[in-house]
Amino acid sequence: MKKIEVKENLRFGEGIISGYISVFLGISTLLGVICFKYPEWLTTPEFREIYTGESMKILLTACIIAAMFFAVLSFIFSRKKKWPLIGVILSAATIIIGGFDVDPRAVDKTGWHLGLDWLLLDLFLMAVIFVPIEMVFPKRKSQSTFHEEWRTDLVYFCISHLLVQFFGIITQQPAKLFFGWMGLSGLHESVQSLPFIIELLFAFFITDFFQYWTHRFFHTHHFLWRFHSIHHSTENMDWLAGSRTHFVDIFVTRSMAFVPLYVFGFSTITFNVYVIFMAIHAVLIHANTRINFGFLKYIFATPQYHHWHHCKNPKHYGKNFATIFPFIDKMFGTYYLPKDEWPEDTGLLETNFPKGYVKQAIYPFTKSPFDKDLEMEEYSKR
């Protein structure tokens, strides 16, 4: 039997964590300066309406100083000087190209752009929230922060954020194509006249209802399962794991979520709150944390709830398809939440599943649907 090597988690006081933080902040600030220099091509017009250039300049300055500070800490406490040295070099490069003197100017809209600002800000926010949670309250204590496939998940995270304009445009098309002719302005006015909290909860419910059936269809249709199996292939559930989603899966799932958003015409504030909530919640339910959220776990999907959906044991396949509300699974007989128990492991039974972003991207297109008995067995149990 092959021996499985378990890596130790990072520990406080060794200087390694501060070294990693310095490198992370160094890379982020360097790319942030580039965003300031080429905002028309590297920032998201819709997202720029939420933040201001001045606020981002303040954040950039604070991160440069923090990167240098953590590099010094790492130099003091760590035996390995590589990471703090890299952090210092990155911070110095950021300062040299104008990190303390960026111009937060107004930006004209362009025909195309990459969402580098959205990538940096979301990655920074999610890392600040969830990395400490996973280190202090981990569910799987033996799971390394930098497990063997964390780079793959980071690539998924980066690509989906950089191509936010592309995915945003194509996922809106089905709704506009099939419902754009209906003249829905009256319905939109009625929905937007609702009290904000009612409108928001309605948006949560109707999108989750559509995503429930889309998600369930991915599990019950053999060809679609080949795409969705990419998401289930991770054996290390953590805050990056939710990003591992095939682009076909992203297109179909987001399109189905956009249909009710378009048809009912929710207000801009409701739409923005929904997007922000989903961005954080999707990370949370995949996180490696033992926090069970008390009675709230019966109202909103939590890590425990969603980890059962990723369970490797075929006995528990086909459960917990809802993204937000567990009661939707109760409505259709797919609810499973056994008190305080968690699945022993997650992932697929298939042992030769491809590793890496490129191999996984082409995987669903490269084989006949019936060319492997093990694959068919895996799918049939889903």
Protein backbone atom coordinates (compact mmCIF):
# COMPACT_ATOMS: atom_id res chain seq x y z
CA MET A 1 0.00 0.00 0.00
CA LYS A 2 1.27 3.42 -0.91
CA LYS A 3 2.32 5.43 2.10
CA ILE A 4 0.63 8.80 2.33
CA GLU A 5 2.83 11.60 3.59
CA VAL A 6 1.10 14.12 5.83
CA LYS A 7 2.65 17.55 5.93
CA GLU A 8 2.60 19.60 9.07
CA ASN A 9 0.65 22.82 9.20
CA LEU A 10 2.51 26.05 9.57
CA ARG A 11 3.05 27.16 13.15
CA PHE A 12 3.12 30.64 14.63
CA GLY A 13 6.45 31.93 15.92
CA GLU A 14 8.65 30.19 13.33
CA GLY A 15 8.84 33.16 10.95
CA ILE A 16 7.63 31.14 7.97
CA ILE A 17 4.10 32.52 8.03
CA SER A 18 5.35 36.11 8.12
CA GLY A 19 7.66 35.31 5.19
CA TYR A 20 4.76 33.98 3.13
CA ILE A 21 2.65 37.01 4.05
CA SER A 22 5.47 39.31 2.92
CA VAL A 23 5.70 37.56 -0.46
CA PHE A 24 1.92 37.57 -0.88
CA LEU A 25 1.69 41.29 -0.12
CA GLY A 26 4.74 42.01 -2.29
CA ILE A 27 3.18 40.34 -5.32
CA SER A 28 -0.20 41.97 -4.65
CA THR A 29 1.23 45.48 -4.33
CA LEU A 30 3.40 45.12 -7.43
CA LEU A 31 0.37 44.08 -9.48
CA GLY A 32 -1.67 46.80 -7.79
CA VAL A 33 0.71 49.48 -9.04
CA ILE A 34 0.40 48.06 -12.54
CA CYS A 35 -3.40 48.36 -12.19
CA PHE A 36 -2.97 52.05 -11.35
CA LYS A 37 -0.74 52.56 -14.38
CA TYR A 38 -3.06 50.80 -16.86
CA PRO A 39 -6.55 51.04 -15.31
CA GLU A 40 -8.42 51.05 -18.63
CA TRP A 41 -7.16 47.57 -19.42
CA LEU A 42 -6.69 45.97 -16.00
CA THR A 43 -9.61 47.16 -13.88
CA THR A 44 -13.32 46.37 -13.91
CA PRO A 45 -15.61 49.35 -14.75
CA GLU A 46 -18.54 48.05 -12.69
CA PHE A 47 -16.28 47.32 -9.73
CA ARG A 48 -14.57 50.72 -9.92
CA GLU A 49 -17.95 52.31 -9.12
CA ILE A 50 -17.83 50.65 -5.68
CA TYR A 51 -14.38 51.76 -4.57
CA THR A 52 -12.43 54.99 -5.09
CA GLY A 53 -8.93 55.48 -6.43
CA GLU A 54 -7.93 57.33 -3.26
CA SER A 55 -9.05 54.49 -1.00
CA MET A 56 -7.08 52.00 -3.08
CA LYS A 57 -4.01 54.26 -2.89
CA ILE A 58 -4.24 54.21 0.91
CA LEU A 59 -4.66 50.42 0.91
CA LEU A 60 -1.69 50.05 -1.45
CA THR A 61 0.54 52.15 0.80
CA ALA A 62 -0.51 50.18 3.88
CA CYS A 63 0.20 46.86 2.13
CA ILE A 64 3.69 47.97 1.00
CA ILE A 65 4.55 48.91 4.59
CA ALA A 66 3.04 45.66 5.88
CA ALA A 67 5.03 43.62 3.36
CA MET A 68 8.29 45.16 4.61
CA PHE A 69 7.23 44.70 8.25
CA PHE A 70 6.48 40.98 7.83
CA ALA A 71 9.72 40.51 5.90
CA VAL A 72 11.66 41.94 8.87
CA LEU A 73 9.77 39.63 11.26
CA SER A 74 10.61 36.65 9.09
CA PHE A 75 14.28 37.62 8.94
CA ILE A 76 14.34 37.70 12.74
CA PHE A 77 12.50 34.46 13.53
CA SER A 78 12.98 32.19 10.51
CA ARG A 79 16.00 30.11 9.64
CA LYS A 80 14.97 30.21 6.00
CA LYS A 81 15.78 33.63 4.59
CA LYS A 82 14.49 32.97 1.06
CA TRP A 83 10.90 34.11 1.59
CA PRO A 84 11.59 37.37 3.44
CA LEU A 85 14.27 38.19 0.87
CA ILE A 86 11.79 37.70 -1.95
CA GLY A 87 9.30 39.84 -0.03
CA VAL A 88 11.83 42.67 0.31
CA ILE A 89 12.74 42.49 -3.38
CA LEU A 90 9.09 42.63 -4.44
CA SER A 91 8.36 45.53 -2.09
CA ALA A 92 11.42 47.42 -3.31
CA ALA A 93 10.37 46.87 -6.93
CA THR A 94 6.90 48.17 -6.08
CA ILE A 95 8.36 51.33 -4.55
CA ILE A 96 10.77 51.86 -7.46
CA ILE A 97 7.99 51.80 -10.06
CA GLY A 98 5.98 54.34 -8.04
CA GLY A 99 4.13 52.44 -5.33
CA PHE A 100 4.03 55.45 -2.98
CA ASP A 101 3.13 57.91 -5.73
CA VAL A 102 0.41 56.32 -7.87
CA ASP A 103 -2.17 58.44 -9.66
CA PRO A 104 -5.75 57.49 -8.69
CA ARG A 105 -7.18 59.13 -11.81
CA ALA A 106 -10.61 58.71 -13.33
CA VAL A 107 -10.92 55.90 -15.85
CA ASP A 108 -12.74 55.80 -19.16
CA LYS A 109 -14.56 52.62 -20.12
CA THR A 110 -12.96 50.46 -22.79
CA GLY A 111 -14.21 47.70 -25.04
CA TRP A 112 -12.37 45.00 -23.14
CA HIS A 113 -10.48 44.60 -19.90
CA LEU A 114 -9.04 42.06 -17.49
CA GLY A 115 -10.37 42.08 -13.92
CA LEU A 116 -6.97 42.30 -12.24
CA ASP A 117 -8.31 44.72 -9.60
CA TRP A 118 -11.19 42.34 -8.80
CA LEU A 119 -8.72 39.46 -8.56
CA LEU A 120 -6.34 41.28 -6.21
CA LEU A 121 -9.01 42.71 -3.92
CA ASP A 122 -11.04 39.51 -3.66
CA LEU A 123 -7.93 37.36 -3.14
CA PHE A 124 -6.68 39.78 -0.47
CA LEU A 125 -10.03 39.88 1.32
CA MET A 126 -10.60 36.12 1.21
CA ALA A 127 -7.06 35.37 2.37
CA VAL A 128 -7.33 37.86 5.26
CA ILE A 129 -10.62 36.28 6.39
CA PHE A 130 -10.17 32.57 5.77
CA VAL A 131 -6.47 31.74 6.12
CA PRO A 132 -6.46 32.71 9.84
CA ILE A 133 -9.76 30.84 10.37
CA GLU A 134 -8.36 27.66 8.80
CA MET A 135 -5.15 27.91 10.81
CA VAL A 136 -6.86 28.54 14.17
CA PHE A 137 -10.03 26.44 13.71
CA PRO A 138 -9.16 23.72 11.18
CA LYS A 139 -11.41 20.72 10.64
CA ARG A 140 -8.65 18.56 9.18
CA LYS A 141 -5.63 19.41 11.31
CA SER A 142 -3.30 17.24 9.23
CA GLN A 143 -4.14 19.11 6.03
CA SER A 144 -1.31 21.42 5.06
CA THR A 145 -2.09 25.04 4.24
CA PHE A 146 -0.09 24.54 1.03
CA HIS A 147 -1.26 21.07 0.04
CA GLU A 148 -0.15 19.39 -3.18
CA GLU A 149 -2.90 20.94 -5.35
CA TRP A 150 -3.19 24.46 -3.92
CA ARG A 151 -1.46 25.92 -7.00
CA THR A 152 -4.09 24.34 -9.27
CA ASP A 153 -6.91 25.88 -7.23
CA LEU A 154 -5.15 29.25 -7.25
CA VAL A 155 -4.95 29.11 -11.06
CA TYR A 156 -8.72 28.49 -11.19
CA PHE A 157 -9.27 31.43 -8.83
CA CYS A 158 -7.10 33.75 -10.92
CA ILE A 159 -8.55 32.83 -14.31
CA SER A 160 -12.17 33.15 -13.21
CA HIS A 161 -11.47 36.62 -11.78
CA LEU A 162 -9.33 37.90 -14.64
CA LEU A 163 -12.00 36.86 -17.14
CA VAL A 164 -14.86 38.35 -15.12
CA GLN A 165 -15.93 40.51 -18.10
CA PHE A 166 -16.00 37.51 -20.45
CA PHE A 167 -17.98 35.30 -18.07
CA GLY A 168 -20.28 38.20 -17.19
CA ILE A 169 -21.17 38.85 -20.82
CA ILE A 170 -21.70 35.28 -21.98
CA THR A 171 -23.71 34.21 -18.92
CA GLN A 172 -26.19 37.05 -19.47
CA GLN A 173 -26.91 36.06 -23.06
CA PRO A 174 -29.30 33.11 -22.43
CA ALA A 175 -31.53 35.27 -20.22
CA LYS A 176 -31.58 38.15 -22.71
CA LEU A 177 -32.10 35.82 -25.67
CA PHE A 178 -35.09 33.95 -24.23
CA PHE A 179 -36.71 36.64 -22.07
CA GLY A 180 -35.57 40.00 -23.50
CA TRP A 181 -38.66 40.32 -25.72
CA MET A 182 -41.22 39.95 -22.93
CA GLY A 183 -41.42 43.57 -21.70
CA LEU A 184 -40.73 43.03 -18.03
CA SER A 185 -40.53 46.65 -16.83
CA GLY A 186 -43.76 46.36 -14.82
CA LEU A 187 -42.52 43.28 -13.01
CA HIS A 188 -39.17 44.97 -12.36
CA GLU A 189 -40.87 47.98 -10.79
CA SER A 190 -43.00 45.75 -8.55
CA VAL A 191 -39.97 43.76 -7.34
CA GLN A 192 -37.89 46.89 -6.73
CA SER A 193 -40.72 48.44 -4.70
CA LEU A 194 -40.47 45.65 -2.12
CA PRO A 195 -38.74 46.34 1.22
CA PHE A 196 -35.01 45.77 0.74
CA ILE A 197 -34.72 42.73 3.04
CA ILE A 198 -37.73 41.04 1.35
CA GLU A 199 -36.31 41.73 -2.11
CA LEU A 200 -32.89 40.41 -1.04
CA LEU A 201 -34.27 37.19 0.49
CA PHE A 202 -36.41 36.67 -2.61
CA ALA A 203 -33.31 37.07 -4.79
CA PHE A 204 -31.45 34.56 -2.63
CA PHE A 205 -34.30 32.04 -2.81
CA ILE A 206 -35.13 32.25 -6.51
CA THR A 207 -31.48 32.06 -7.62
CA ASP A 208 -30.78 29.20 -5.22
CA PHE A 209 -33.85 27.35 -6.51
CA PHE A 210 -32.60 27.62 -10.09
CA GLN A 211 -29.05 26.68 -9.08
CA TYR A 212 -30.32 23.71 -7.07
CA TRP A 213 -31.84 22.09 -10.14
CA THR A 214 -28.91 23.06 -12.35
CA HIS A 215 -26.51 21.57 -9.83
CA ARG A 216 -28.62 18.42 -9.49
CA PHE A 217 -28.79 18.06 -13.27
CA PHE A 218 -24.98 18.15 -13.43
CA HIS A 219 -24.98 15.16 -11.08
CA THR A 220 -27.65 13.18 -12.93
CA HIS A 221 -26.62 13.72 -16.55
CA HIS A 222 -23.56 11.67 -17.46
CA PHE A 223 -21.97 14.09 -19.95
CA LEU A 224 -22.44 17.12 -17.66
CA TRP A 225 -21.02 15.16 -14.76
CA ARG A 226 -17.71 14.98 -16.63
CA PHE A 227 -17.47 18.77 -16.29
CA HIS A 228 -18.77 18.95 -12.73
CA SER A 229 -16.48 16.13 -11.58
CA ILE A 230 -13.62 18.63 -11.86
CA HIS A 231 -15.12 20.51 -8.93
CA HIS A 232 -15.49 17.30 -6.92
CA SER A 233 -11.96 16.11 -7.63
CA THR A 234 -10.39 18.06 -4.78
CA GLU A 235 -9.44 15.99 -1.76
CA ASN A 236 -8.35 19.04 0.23
CA MET A 237 -11.38 21.14 1.04
CA ASP A 238 -10.28 24.68 1.83
CA TRP A 239 -11.03 28.30 0.98
CA LEU A 240 -9.62 27.94 -2.54
CA ALA A 241 -11.35 24.64 -3.35
CA GLY A 242 -14.59 26.29 -4.47
CA SER A 243 -12.73 27.98 -7.32
CA ARG A 244 -11.97 24.64 -8.98
CA THR A 245 -14.78 24.75 -11.52
CA HIS A 246 -14.65 23.94 -15.24
CA PHE A 247 -15.49 26.89 -17.51
CA VAL A 248 -18.49 25.00 -18.98
CA ASP A 249 -19.77 24.44 -15.44
CA ILE A 250 -19.30 28.16 -14.71
CA PHE A 251 -21.17 29.17 -17.87
CA VAL A 252 -24.19 26.93 -17.31
CA THR A 253 -24.50 27.51 -13.56
CA ARG A 254 -24.08 31.29 -13.70
CA SER A 255 -26.42 31.53 -16.68
CA MET A 256 -29.15 29.74 -14.75
CA ALA A 257 -28.60 32.06 -11.77
CA PHE A 258 -28.76 35.09 -14.04
CA VAL A 259 -32.12 34.09 -15.55
CA PRO A 260 -34.19 34.95 -12.43
CA LEU A 261 -32.01 38.00 -11.71
CA TYR A 262 -32.77 39.30 -15.21
CA VAL A 263 -36.43 38.31 -15.34
CA PHE A 264 -37.37 39.81 -11.96
CA GLY A 265 -35.10 42.85 -12.39
CA PHE A 266 -33.79 43.18 -8.86
CA SER A 267 -32.43 46.57 -7.83
CA THR A 268 -28.75 47.41 -8.20
CA ILE A 269 -28.15 47.35 -4.45
CA THR A 270 -29.80 43.93 -4.16
CA PHE A 271 -27.74 42.61 -7.06
CA ASN A 272 -24.49 43.96 -5.58
CA VAL A 273 -25.24 42.53 -2.12
CA TYR A 274 -26.09 39.18 -3.74
CA VAL A 275 -22.79 39.12 -5.67
CA ILE A 276 -20.73 40.03 -2.59
CA PHE A 277 -22.57 37.51 -0.41
CA MET A 278 -22.09 34.70 -2.91
CA ALA A 279 -18.40 35.54 -3.36
CA ILE A 280 -17.80 35.16 0.38
CA HIS A 281 -20.27 32.35 1.04
CA ALA A 282 -18.94 30.14 -1.77
CA VAL A 283 -15.50 30.35 -0.17
CA LEU A 284 -16.88 29.72 3.32
CA ILE A 285 -18.75 26.49 2.56
CA HIS A 286 -15.60 24.89 1.12
CA ALA A 287 -13.31 26.10 3.93
CA ASN A 288 -11.34 23.75 6.15
CA THR A 289 -12.90 24.90 9.40
CA ARG A 290 -14.67 23.03 12.17
CA ILE A 291 -16.90 25.99 13.08
CA ASN A 292 -20.48 24.67 12.89
CA PHE A 293 -22.38 28.00 13.32
CA GLY A 294 -24.91 26.64 15.83
CA PHE A 295 -28.58 26.85 14.81
CA LEU A 296 -27.63 28.91 11.73
CA LYS A 297 -26.46 25.73 10.02
CA TYR A 298 -30.12 24.73 9.66
CA ILE A 299 -30.94 28.04 7.94
CA PHE A 300 -27.90 28.66 5.71
CA ALA A 301 -25.50 26.23 4.07
CA THR A 302 -22.30 25.86 6.12
CA PRO A 303 -18.96 24.06 5.65
CA GLN A 304 -20.27 20.93 7.40
CA TYR A 305 -23.34 20.90 5.15
CA HIS A 306 -21.43 21.33 1.91
CA HIS A 307 -18.58 18.99 2.86
CA TRP A 308 -21.16 16.18 2.95
CA HIS A 309 -21.98 17.04 -0.66
CA HIS A 310 -18.29 16.43 -1.50
CA CYS A 311 -18.13 13.19 0.52
CA LYS A 312 -16.14 10.42 -1.15
CA ASN A 313 -18.28 7.63 0.37
CA PRO A 314 -20.89 6.58 -2.27
CA LYS A 315 -23.38 5.97 0.53
CA HIS A 316 -23.84 9.73 0.85
CA TYR A 317 -23.86 10.77 -2.80
CA GLY A 318 -26.66 12.91 -4.15
CA LYS A 319 -27.15 15.11 -1.10
CA ASN A 320 -27.12 18.84 -0.32
CA PHE A 321 -27.34 20.47 -3.75
CA ALA A 322 -28.55 23.83 -2.43
CA THR A 323 -26.01 26.64 -2.31
CA ILE A 324 -27.68 28.90 0.28
CA PHE A 325 -30.82 27.39 1.82
CA PRO A 326 -30.84 23.79 3.14
CA PHE A 327 -34.65 23.78 3.22
CA ILE A 328 -34.63 23.54 -0.59
CA ASP A 329 -32.92 20.16 -0.24
CA LYS A 330 -35.54 19.21 2.36
CA MET A 331 -38.28 20.13 -0.14
CA PHE A 332 -36.91 17.63 -2.68
CA GLY A 333 -35.59 14.86 -0.43
CA THR A 334 -31.85 15.48 -0.80
CA TYR A 335 -31.11 16.93 2.66
CA TYR A 336 -28.41 15.33 4.84
CA LEU A 337 -26.91 16.84 7.99
CA PRO A 338 -26.19 14.27 10.77
CA LYS A 339 -25.89 16.42 13.90
CA ASP A 340 -22.20 17.27 14.41
CA GLU A 341 -20.72 14.54 12.17
CA TRP A 342 -18.47 15.33 9.22
CA PRO A 343 -17.48 13.14 6.25
CA GLU A 344 -14.23 11.23 6.71
CA ASP A 345 -12.85 12.36 3.35
CA THR A 346 -13.83 14.16 0.16
CA GLY A 347 -13.09 13.70 -3.53
CA LEU A 348 -13.69 11.04 -6.19
CA LEU A 349 -13.29 7.28 -6.19
CA GLU A 350 -11.48 7.53 -9.52
CA THR A 351 -7.77 7.20 -8.81
CA ASN A 352 -6.34 8.39 -12.15
CA PHE A 353 -8.13 11.73 -12.32
CA PRO A 354 -6.00 14.32 -14.18
CA LYS A 355 -4.02 16.87 -12.17
CA GLY A 356 -3.46 20.49 -13.15
CA TYR A 357 -5.64 23.17 -14.76
CA VAL A 358 -4.93 22.44 -18.43
CA LYS A 359 -5.41 18.67 -18.17
CA GLN A 360 -8.65 19.15 -16.24
CA ALA A 361 -9.91 21.75 -18.73
CA ILE A 362 -9.63 19.33 -21.67
CA TYR A 363 -10.52 16.18 -19.72
CA PRO A 364 -14.33 16.22 -20.37
CA PHE A 365 -13.74 16.44 -24.14
CA THR A 366 -11.05 13.79 -24.51
CA LYS A 367 -12.76 10.51 -23.71
CA SER A 368 -15.77 8.57 -24.75
CA PRO A 369 -18.47 8.73 -22.06
CA PHE A 370 -18.38 4.94 -21.73
CA ASP A 371 -14.71 4.09 -22.02
CA LYS A 372 -13.98 3.35 -18.38
CA ASP A 373 -15.90 1.02 -16.10
CA LEU A 374 -14.63 2.79 -13.01
CA GLU A 375 -15.80 6.14 -14.32
CA MET A 376 -19.26 4.76 -15.04
CA GLU A 377 -19.40 3.21 -11.59
CA GLU A 378 -18.40 6.54 -10.02
CA TYR A 379 -21.04 8.41 -12.01
CA SER A 380 -23.86 5.92 -11.44
CA LYS A 381 -23.50 6.32 -7.69
CA ARG A 382 -23.74 10.07 -7.90
